[in-house]
C-alpha atoms as a PDB file:
ATOM      1  CA  MET A   1     -15.449  38.222  13.471  1.00  0.00           C
ATOM      2  CA  LYS A   2     -12.201  36.777  13.872  1.00  0.00           C
ATOM      3  CA  LYS A   3     -13.282  33.071  14.122  1.00  0.00           C
ATOM      4  CA  PHE A   4     -15.541  33.947  11.338  1.00  0.00           C
ATOM      5  CA  MET A   5     -12.679  34.921   9.067  1.00  0.00           C
ATOM      6  CA  HIS A   6     -10.467  31.858  10.396  1.00  0.00           C
ATOM      7  CA  HIS A   7     -13.353  29.931   8.827  1.00  0.00           C
ATOM      8  CA  CYS A   8     -13.804  31.356   5.801  1.00  0.00           C
ATOM      9  CA  MET A   9      -9.779  31.501   5.129  1.00  0.00           C
ATOM     10  CA  ARG A  10      -9.903  27.621   6.091  1.00  0.00           C
ATOM     11  CA  LEU A  11     -12.189  26.839   3.064  1.00  0.00           C
ATOM     12  CA  VAL A  12      -9.871  28.449   0.014  1.00  0.00           C
ATOM     13  CA  PHE A  13      -7.535  26.528  -1.232  1.00  0.00           C
ATOM     14  CA  PHE A  14      -4.035  28.018  -0.670  1.00  0.00           C
ATOM     15  CA  VAL A  15      -3.912  31.578   0.848  1.00  0.00           C
ATOM     16  CA  VAL A  16      -0.144  30.975   1.343  1.00  0.00           C
ATOM     17  CA  PHE A  17       2.533  34.874   0.480  1.00  0.00           C
ATOM     18  CA  SER A  18      -0.055  35.848  -0.769  1.00  0.00           C
ATOM     19  CA  ALA A  19     -23.064  35.288  -9.351  1.00  0.00           C
ATOM     20  CA  VAL A  20     -24.545  32.448  -6.964  1.00  0.00           C
ATOM     21  CA  PRO A  21     -27.516  34.121  -5.703  1.00  0.00           C
ATOM     22  CA  LEU A  22     -28.342  34.165  -2.127  1.00  0.00           C
ATOM     23  CA  LEU A  23     -30.485  31.664  -0.285  1.00  0.00           C
ATOM     24  CA  PHE A  24     -33.974  33.367   0.863  1.00  0.00           C
ATOM     25  CA  ILE A  25     -35.243  29.799   2.839  1.00  0.00           C
ATOM     26  CA  PRO A  26     -38.345  30.603   4.804  1.00  0.00           C
ATOM     27  CA  GLY A  27     -39.679  29.502   8.157  1.00  0.00           C
ATOM     28  CA  PRO A  28     -39.005  29.961  11.602  1.00  0.00           C
ATOM     29  CA  GLY A  29     -35.575  31.783  12.660  1.00  0.00           C
ATOM     30  CA  ALA A  30     -33.850  32.085   9.302  1.00  0.00           C
ATOM     31  CA  ALA A  31     -31.739  34.786   8.567  1.00  0.00           C
ATOM     32  CA  SER A  32     -32.561  37.796   6.540  1.00  0.00           C
ATOM     33  CA  PHE A  33     -30.244  39.312   4.026  1.00  0.00           C
ATOM     34  CA  ALA A  34     -29.777  42.681   2.896  1.00  0.00           C
ATOM     35  CA  GLN A  35     -30.299  43.710  -1.139  1.00  0.00           C
ATOM     36  CA  ASP A  36     -26.621  43.815  -1.454  1.00  0.00           C
ATOM     37  CA  GLY A  37     -25.540  41.123   0.239  1.00  0.00           C
ATOM     38  CA  SER A  38     -25.178  41.480   3.696  1.00  0.00           C
ATOM     39  CA  SER A  39     -26.293  39.451   6.631  1.00  0.00           C
ATOM     40  CA  GLN A  40     -28.116  41.166   9.107  1.00  0.00           C
ATOM     41  CA  ASP A  41     -29.347  38.812  11.818  1.00  0.00           C
ATOM     42  CA  ALA A  42     -28.292  35.157  12.353  1.00  0.00           C
ATOM     43  CA  PRO A  43     -31.253  33.052  13.118  1.00  0.00           C
ATOM     44  CA  LYS A  44     -31.201  31.574  16.428  1.00  0.00           C
ATOM     45  CA  THR A  45     -31.298  28.356  15.037  1.00  0.00           C
ATOM     46  CA  PRO A  46     -29.946  27.473  12.029  1.00  0.00           C
ATOM     47  CA  VAL A  47     -32.248  26.246   9.054  1.00  0.00           C
ATOM     48  CA  VAL A  48     -30.658  23.465   7.542  1.00  0.00           C
ATOM     49  CA  ASP A  49     -32.275  20.650   5.584  1.00  0.00           C
ATOM     50  CA  PRO A  50     -32.199  17.482   7.492  1.00  0.00           C
ATOM     51  CA  VAL A  51     -31.338  15.557   3.861  1.00  0.00           C
ATOM     52  CA  ALA A  52     -28.578  17.937   3.067  1.00  0.00           C
ATOM     53  CA  ASP A  53     -27.343  17.884   6.986  1.00  0.00           C
ATOM     54  CA  LYS A  54     -27.316  14.056   6.736  1.00  0.00           C
ATOM     55  CA  LEU A  55     -25.461  14.234   3.181  1.00  0.00           C
ATOM     56  CA  LEU A  56     -22.736  16.384   4.245  1.00  0.00           C
ATOM     57  CA  LYS A  57     -22.218  14.233   7.412  1.00  0.00           C
ATOM     58  CA  SER A  58     -21.684  11.042   5.161  1.00  0.00           C
ATOM     59  CA  MET A  59     -19.450  12.641   3.241  1.00  0.00           C
ATOM     60  CA  SER A  60     -17.506  13.500   6.079  1.00  0.00           C
ATOM     61  CA  ASP A  61     -17.495   9.876   7.670  1.00  0.00           C
ATOM     62  CA  THR A  62     -16.517   8.813   4.252  1.00  0.00           C
ATOM     63  CA  LEU A  63     -12.960  11.296   4.867  1.00  0.00           C
ATOM     64  CA  SER A  64     -12.481  11.086   8.190  1.00  0.00           C
ATOM     65  CA  SER A  65     -12.786   7.061   8.409  1.00  0.00           C
ATOM     66  CA  ALA A  66      -9.945   7.099   5.275  1.00  0.00           C
ATOM     67  CA  LYS A  67      -6.389   6.499   7.084  1.00  0.00           C
ATOM     68  CA  THR A  68      -5.082   7.759   3.551  1.00  0.00           C
ATOM     69  CA  LEU A  69      -6.458   9.620   0.786  1.00  0.00           C
ATOM     70  CA  SER A  70      -5.782  11.783  -2.542  1.00  0.00           C
ATOM     71  CA  PHE A  71      -7.200  13.742  -5.054  1.00  0.00           C
ATOM     72  CA  ASN A  72      -6.621  16.377  -7.407  1.00  0.00           C
ATOM     73  CA  ALA A  73      -8.671  19.321  -7.989  1.00  0.00           C
ATOM     74  CA  ASP A  74      -8.962  22.083 -10.669  1.00  0.00           C
ATOM     75  CA  ILE A  75      -8.952  25.843  -9.362  1.00  0.00           C
ATOM     76  CA  ASN A  76     -10.998  28.662 -10.355  1.00  0.00           C
ATOM     77  CA  PHE A  77     -11.224  32.104  -8.265  1.00  0.00           C
ATOM     78  CA  ASP A  78     -11.868  35.605  -8.540  1.00  0.00           C
ATOM     79  CA  GLN A  79      -9.512  38.943  -7.916  1.00  0.00           C
ATOM     80  CA  LEU A  80     -10.692  42.364  -8.375  1.00  0.00           C
ATOM     81  CA  ILE A  81      -8.058  44.417 -10.415  1.00  0.00           C
ATOM     82  CA  VAL A  82      -7.724  48.421  -9.857  1.00  0.00           C
ATOM     83  CA  SER A  83     -10.102  49.218 -12.232  1.00  0.00           C
ATOM     84  CA  GLY A  84     -12.991  47.244 -10.400  1.00  0.00           C
ATOM     85  CA  GLU A  85     -13.479  44.680 -12.995  1.00  0.00           C
ATOM     86  CA  GLN A  86     -13.148  40.724 -11.703  1.00  0.00           C
ATOM     87  CA  ILE A  87     -10.189  39.014 -13.326  1.00  0.00           C
ATOM     88  CA  GLN A  88     -10.930  35.000 -13.074  1.00  0.00           C
ATOM     89  CA  TYR A  89      -7.707  32.846 -12.177  1.00  0.00           C
ATOM     90  CA  GLY A  90      -7.141  29.617 -12.315  1.00  0.00           C
ATOM     91  CA  GLY A  91      -4.758  26.526 -11.060  1.00  0.00           C
ATOM     92  CA  ALA A  92      -4.500  22.858 -11.102  1.00  0.00           C
ATOM     93  CA  ALA A  93      -3.848  21.099  -7.521  1.00  0.00           C
ATOM     94  CA  LYS A  94      -2.719  17.550  -5.818  1.00  0.00           C
ATOM     95  CA  VAL A  95      -3.259  16.707  -2.471  1.00  0.00           C
ATOM     96  CA  MET A  96      -2.122  13.402  -0.360  1.00  0.00           C
ATOM     97  CA  LEU A  97      -2.924  12.775   3.167  1.00  0.00           C
ATOM     98  CA  MET A  98      -1.430  10.259   5.231  1.00  0.00           C
ATOM     99  CA  ARG A  99      -3.135  10.361   9.038  1.00  0.00           C
ATOM    100  CA  PRO A 100      -2.223  11.036  11.649  1.00  0.00           C
ATOM    101  CA  ASP A 101       0.439  13.978  10.697  1.00  0.00           C
ATOM    102  CA  LYS A 102       1.317  14.040   6.766  1.00  0.00           C
ATOM    103  CA  VAL A 103       0.482  16.000   4.005  1.00  0.00           C
ATOM    104  CA  TYR A 104       1.700  16.858   0.712  1.00  0.00           C
ATOM    105  CA  ALA A 105       0.158  19.102  -1.593  1.00  0.00           C
ATOM    106  CA  GLU A 106       1.158  21.084  -4.888  1.00  0.00           C
ATOM    107  CA  PHE A 107      -0.385  23.730  -6.904  1.00  0.00           C
ATOM    108  CA  ALA A 108       0.525  25.265 -10.268  1.00  0.00           C
ATOM    109  CA  GLY A 109      -1.581  27.949 -11.395  1.00  0.00           C
ATOM    110  CA  ASP A 110      -1.554  31.561 -13.403  1.00  0.00           C
ATOM    111  CA  LEU A 111      -0.516  33.272 -10.353  1.00  0.00           C
ATOM    112  CA  ASN A 112       1.981  30.987  -8.558  1.00  0.00           C
ATOM    113  CA  ALA A 113       3.342  27.111  -8.018  1.00  0.00           C
ATOM    114  CA  LYS A 114       3.805  25.933  -4.533  1.00  0.00           C
ATOM    115  CA  LYS A 115       4.399  22.549  -2.453  1.00  0.00           C
ATOM    116  CA  VAL A 116       3.738  22.112   0.362  1.00  0.00           C
ATOM    117  CA  TRP A 117       4.988  19.104   2.961  1.00  0.00           C
ATOM    118  CA  TYR A 118       3.408  18.481   6.839  1.00  0.00           C
ATOM    119  CA  SER A 119       5.685  16.397   8.465  1.00  0.00           C
ATOM    120  CA  GLY A 120       3.846  16.585  11.955  1.00  0.00           C
ATOM    121  CA  LYS A 121       6.815  18.666  13.393  1.00  0.00           C
ATOM    122  CA  GLU A 122       7.232  21.183  10.427  1.00  0.00           C
ATOM    123  CA  LEU A 123       5.640  22.575   7.720  1.00  0.00           C
ATOM    124  CA  THR A 124       7.914  23.227   4.500  1.00  0.00           C
ATOM    125  CA  VAL A 125       6.388  25.455   1.902  1.00  0.00           C
ATOM    126  CA  LEU A 126       8.615  25.874  -1.530  1.00  0.00           C
ATOM    127  CA  ASP A 127       7.443  28.956  -4.239  1.00  0.00           C
ATOM    128  CA  LEU A 128       8.582  27.292  -7.244  1.00  0.00           C
ATOM    129  CA  ASN A 129       8.915  30.801  -9.127  1.00  0.00           C
ATOM    130  CA  THR A 130      11.158  32.446  -7.231  1.00  0.00           C
ATOM    131  CA  ASN A 131      12.527  29.029  -5.570  1.00  0.00           C
ATOM    132  CA  PHE A 132      12.213  30.313  -2.108  1.00  0.00           C
ATOM    133  CA  TYR A 133      11.083  27.934   0.665  1.00  0.00           C
ATOM    134  CA  GLY A 134      10.163  28.378   4.198  1.00  0.00           C
ATOM    135  CA  LYS A 135       9.949  25.784   7.301  1.00  0.00           C
ATOM    136  CA  LEU A 136       8.066  26.467   9.963  1.00  0.00           C
ATOM    137  CA  PRO A 137       7.826  24.099  13.367  1.00  0.00           C
ATOM    138  CA  VAL A 138       4.181  23.157  13.564  1.00  0.00           C
ATOM    139  CA  PRO A 139       1.550  20.762  16.365  1.00  0.00           C
ATOM    140  CA  SER A 140       1.597  17.363  16.213  1.00  0.00           C
ATOM    141  CA  THR A 141      -1.868  16.995  14.894  1.00  0.00           C
ATOM    142  CA  LEU A 142      -3.067  18.379  11.768  1.00  0.00           C
ATOM    143  CA  ASP A 143      -6.210  20.148  13.004  1.00  0.00           C
ATOM    144  CA  ASP A 144      -4.455  21.828  15.809  1.00  0.00           C
ATOM    145  CA  ALA A 145      -1.594  22.791  13.298  1.00  0.00           C
ATOM    146  CA  MET A 146      -4.263  23.893  10.889  1.00  0.00           C
ATOM    147  CA  ASP A 147      -5.305  26.629  13.884  1.00  0.00           C
ATOM    148  CA  ASN A 148      -1.917  27.459  14.357  1.00  0.00           C
ATOM    149  CA  LEU A 149      -1.135  28.613  10.808  1.00  0.00           C
ATOM    150  CA  MET A 150      -3.992  30.119  10.636  1.00  0.00           C
ATOM    151  CA  GLU A 151      -3.977  32.415  13.927  1.00  0.00           C
ATOM    152  CA  GLN A 152      -0.173  32.561  13.310  1.00  0.00           C
ATOM    153  CA  TYR A 153       0.546  33.490   9.700  1.00  0.00           C
ATOM    154  CA  GLY A 154      -2.245  33.622   8.081  1.00  0.00           C
ATOM    155  CA  PHE A 155      -2.712  30.837   5.742  1.00  0.00           C
ATOM    156  CA  THR A 156      -3.988  27.411   5.934  1.00  0.00           C
ATOM    157  CA  LEU A 157      -3.214  24.116   4.031  1.00  0.00           C
ATOM    158  CA  PRO A 158      -5.056  23.235   0.780  1.00  0.00           C
ATOM    159  CA  LEU A 159      -8.854  22.307   1.217  1.00  0.00           C
ATOM    160  CA  SER A 160      -8.102  21.682   4.606  1.00  0.00           C
ATOM    161  CA  ASP A 161     -11.987  21.201   5.656  1.00  0.00           C
ATOM    162  CA  VAL A 162     -11.372  17.878   3.663  1.00  0.00           C
ATOM    163  CA  LEU A 163      -8.626  17.279   5.271  1.00  0.00           C
ATOM    164  CA  VAL A 164      -9.324  17.339   9.112  1.00  0.00           C
ATOM    165  CA  SER A 165     -10.626  15.047  11.350  1.00  0.00           C
ATOM    166  CA  ASP A 166     -13.942  16.164  11.470  1.00  0.00           C
ATOM    167  CA  PRO A 167     -15.104  17.901   8.393  1.00  0.00           C
ATOM    168  CA  TYR A 168     -18.567  17.949   8.931  1.00  0.00           C
ATOM    169  CA  LYS A 169     -17.693  19.782  12.203  1.00  0.00           C
ATOM    170  CA  ALA A 170     -15.435  22.401  10.028  1.00  0.00           C
ATOM    171  CA  PHE A 171     -17.910  22.819   7.443  1.00  0.00           C
ATOM    172  CA  ILE A 172     -20.902  23.161   9.246  1.00  0.00           C
ATOM    173  CA  SER A 173     -19.846  24.992  12.244  1.00  0.00           C
ATOM    174  CA  HIS A 174     -20.702  28.344  10.919  1.00  0.00           C
ATOM    175  CA  VAL A 175     -23.901  27.488   8.754  1.00  0.00           C
ATOM    176  CA  TRP A 176     -27.556  29.473   9.154  1.00  0.00           C
ATOM    177  CA  ALA A 177     -29.156  27.889   6.507  1.00  0.00           C
ATOM    178  CA  GLY A 178     -28.876  25.045   4.113  1.00  0.00           C
ATOM    179  CA  VAL A 179     -31.011  23.351   1.414  1.00  0.00           C
ATOM    180  CA  VAL A 180     -30.435  20.778  -1.370  1.00  0.00           C
ATOM    181  CA  ILE A 181     -31.236  22.211  -4.794  1.00  0.00           C
ATOM    182  CA  GLY A 182     -31.862  19.282  -6.561  1.00  0.00           C
ATOM    183  CA  ASP A 183     -29.124  16.336  -8.909  1.00  0.00           C
ATOM    184  CA  SER A 184     -26.577  17.113 -10.773  1.00  0.00           C
ATOM    185  CA  LYS A 185     -23.275  15.320 -12.379  1.00  0.00           C
ATOM    186  CA  ILE A 186     -20.244  16.550 -11.947  1.00  0.00           C
ATOM    187  CA  ASN A 187     -17.646  14.913 -14.588  1.00  0.00           C
ATOM    188  CA  GLY A 188     -20.188  12.197 -15.482  1.00  0.00           C
ATOM    189  CA  GLN A 189     -20.684  11.283 -11.709  1.00  0.00           C
ATOM    190  CA  ALA A 190     -24.279  11.710 -10.070  1.00  0.00           C
ATOM    191  CA  CYS A 191     -24.026  14.377  -7.419  1.00  0.00           C
ATOM    192  CA  LYS A 192     -26.852  16.276  -4.720  1.00  0.00           C
ATOM    193  CA  HIS A 193     -26.059  19.204  -4.803  1.00  0.00           C
ATOM    194  CA  LEU A 194     -26.479  21.428  -1.837  1.00  0.00           C
ATOM    195  CA  ALA A 195     -26.115  24.870  -0.736  1.00  0.00           C
ATOM    196  CA  PHE A 196     -25.286  27.097   2.767  1.00  0.00           C
ATOM    197  CA  VAL A 197     -25.955  30.148   4.171  1.00  0.00           C
ATOM    198  CA  GLU A 198     -23.386  31.965   6.444  1.00  0.00           C
ATOM    199  CA  LYS A 199     -22.269  35.453   7.692  1.00  0.00           C
ATOM    200  CA  TYR A 200     -19.635  36.015   5.293  1.00  0.00           C
ATOM    201  CA  ILE A 201     -19.929  33.599   2.659  1.00  0.00           C
ATOM    202  CA  ASP A 202     -22.073  31.498   0.930  1.00  0.00           C
ATOM    203  CA  TRP A 203     -21.236  28.339  -0.256  1.00  0.00           C
ATOM    204  CA  GLN A 204     -22.336  25.497  -2.702  1.00  0.00           C
ATOM    205  CA  ILE A 205     -21.445  21.728  -2.360  1.00  0.00           C
ATOM    206  CA  TRP A 206     -21.570  19.007  -4.803  1.00  0.00           C
ATOM    207  CA  ILE A 207     -21.446  15.478  -3.137  1.00  0.00           C
ATOM    208  CA  SER A 208     -21.192  12.134  -5.419  1.00  0.00           C
ATOM    209  CA  GLU A 209     -23.923   9.434  -4.826  1.00  0.00           C
ATOM    210  CA  GLY A 210     -22.575   5.784  -4.338  1.00  0.00           C
ATOM    211  CA  ALA A 211     -21.229   3.412  -1.869  1.00  0.00           C
ATOM    212  CA  GLN A 212     -19.014   6.574  -1.203  1.00  0.00           C
ATOM    213  CA  ALA A 213     -19.920  10.527  -0.514  1.00  0.00           C
ATOM    214  CA  LEU A 214     -17.498  12.314  -1.692  1.00  0.00           C
ATOM    215  CA  PRO A 215     -17.106  16.035  -2.364  1.00  0.00           C
ATOM    216  CA  CYS A 216     -17.649  16.571  -5.890  1.00  0.00           C
ATOM    217  CA  LYS A 217     -17.135  20.654  -6.379  1.00  0.00           C
ATOM    218  CA  LEU A 218     -17.104  23.273  -3.932  1.00  0.00           C
ATOM    219  CA  VAL A 219     -17.941  26.869  -4.762  1.00  0.00           C
ATOM    220  CA  ILE A 220     -17.513  29.928  -2.266  1.00  0.00           C
ATOM    221  CA  THR A 221     -19.292  33.381  -2.723  1.00  0.00           C
ATOM    222  CA  TYR A 222     -17.613  36.036  -0.480  1.00  0.00           C
ATOM    223  CA  LYS A 223     -20.593  38.053  -0.735  1.00  0.00           C
ATOM    224  CA  THR A 224     -19.157  41.125   1.917  1.00  0.00           C
ATOM    225  CA  LEU A 225     -15.982  41.652  -0.785  1.00  0.00           C
ATOM    226  CA  PRO A 226     -16.863  44.022  -3.369  1.00  0.00           C
ATOM    227  CA  GLY A 227     -18.363  42.116  -6.424  1.00  0.00           C
ATOM    228  CA  GLY A 228     -18.707  39.026  -4.225  1.00  0.00           C
ATOM    229  CA  PRO A 229     -15.818  37.312  -5.669  1.00  0.00           C
ATOM    230  CA  GLN A 230     -16.272  33.479  -6.116  1.00  0.00           C
ATOM    231  CA  TYR A 231     -13.497  30.402  -5.643  1.00  0.00           C
ATOM    232  CA  GLU A 232     -14.305  26.812  -7.035  1.00  0.00           C
ATOM    233  CA  ALA A 233     -12.643  24.121  -6.522  1.00  0.00           C
ATOM    234  CA  GLU A 234     -13.592  20.598  -9.076  1.00  0.00           C
ATOM    235  CA  PHE A 235     -12.315  17.528  -7.319  1.00  0.00           C
ATOM    236  CA  HIS A 236     -11.663  14.651  -9.542  1.00  0.00           C
ATOM    237  CA  ASP A 237      -9.514  11.349  -9.142  1.00  0.00           C
ATOM    238  CA  TRP A 238     -10.386  10.789  -5.358  1.00  0.00           C
ATOM    239  CA  ALA A 239      -8.202   7.690  -3.713  1.00  0.00           C
ATOM    240  CA  ILE A 240      -9.442   6.428  -0.533  1.00  0.00           C
ATOM    241  CA  ASN A 241      -6.833   4.294   1.519  1.00  0.00           C
ATOM    242  CA  PRO A 242      -4.282   3.931  -1.093  1.00  0.00           C
ATOM    243  CA  THR A 243      -0.521   3.134  -0.200  1.00  0.00           C
ATOM    244  CA  PHE A 244       1.965   5.951  -0.130  1.00  0.00           C
ATOM    245  CA  ASP A 245       5.514   5.829  -0.171  1.00  0.00           C
ATOM    246  CA  ALA A 246       6.617   7.695   2.873  1.00  0.00           C
ATOM    247  CA  SER A 247       9.253  10.023   0.876  1.00  0.00           C
ATOM    248  CA  ALA A 248       6.387  11.272  -0.661  1.00  0.00           C
ATOM    249  CA  PHE A 249       6.089  13.779   2.472  1.00  0.00           C
ATOM    250  CA  THR A 250       9.285  14.480   2.633  1.00  0.00           C
ATOM    251  CA  PRO A 251      10.683  18.132   1.188  1.00  0.00           C
ATOM    252  CA  VAL A 252      12.402  17.655  -1.967  1.00  0.00           C
ATOM    253  CA  LEU A 253      14.271  21.202  -2.623  1.00  0.00           C
ATOM    254  CA  PRO A 254      15.994  22.069  -5.872  1.00  0.00           C
ATOM    255  CA  LYS A 255      19.491  23.184  -5.668  1.00  0.00           C
ATOM    256  CA  GLY A 256      20.105  26.435  -5.240  1.00  0.00           C
ATOM    257  CA  ALA A 257      17.040  26.836  -3.141  1.00  0.00           C
ATOM    258  CA  GLU A 258      16.920  30.107  -0.676  1.00  0.00           C
ATOM    259  CA  GLN A 259      15.179  30.090   2.602  1.00  0.00           C
ATOM    260  CA  ILE A 260      13.539  32.594   4.028  1.00  0.00           C
ATOM    261  CA  GLU A 261      11.052  33.594   7.094  1.00  0.00           C
ATOM    262  CA  PHE A 262       7.519  33.276   7.277  1.00  0.00           C
ATOM    263  CA  MET A 263       5.845  36.627   7.667  1.00  0.00           C
ATOM    264  CA  LYS A 264       3.601  36.519  10.977  1.00  0.00           C
ATOM    265  CA  ALA A 265      -0.117  37.891  10.476  1.00  0.00           C
ATOM    266  CA  ASP A 266      -1.050  41.409  11.860  1.00  0.00           C
ATOM    267  CA  ASN A 267      -3.746  40.052  13.791  1.00  0.00           C
ATOM    268  CA  LYS A 268      -5.226  43.409  15.101  1.00  0.00           C
END
């Protein structure tokens, strides 16, 4: 269970301090699903359309081969309130990556605004609403740092499955089934629309066509949570191998910012 939930959390944009129909894919070994969206038995062998698999690998190759990259994303996500109604919140994100050990990310949304710097030795998180910040020693590789942050503190860097050394493995590891839905356009960009089933989530991804396969949009449905809340990230302004000034990855803290300690996650 912990490994599955770890994966679900990694896909999400910011877990810091803080109705897509189910796929029915026929064929030997396909997963079966209850009417309420809960999964039953896992297939002995994942049922993934070879074309969908190839597209996901192509996108991963583009991302993993980049020495540097950056993107912006428009974020929407659901939260269940006391009345039982799903309320949608939103925000905008900017992410910069310099392999092997530097990330800068910022997010400004309806509920909070944060900046994050990862240096290969230390992670710094600044909450712009409270002027509080925290620092943590972290492993020297991004992949290990992501695992450590999730395991110890219950959060991850923004859309970290796009940033790790092997995005294909991060996305496909817990998939039960996957198909190509068809052709689509996101912000005028021709894309292939894919859909995947896992035990706790269903997710869709739109991958750009052309010389560089890149994610255009990601939608996650948390089908075992009340109301099936969704998380959506629409990517834009991708830059592959841009030149960055190293100072972009150095924390800049406002005057009067107060340091606080991170709370460790309860992994019981």
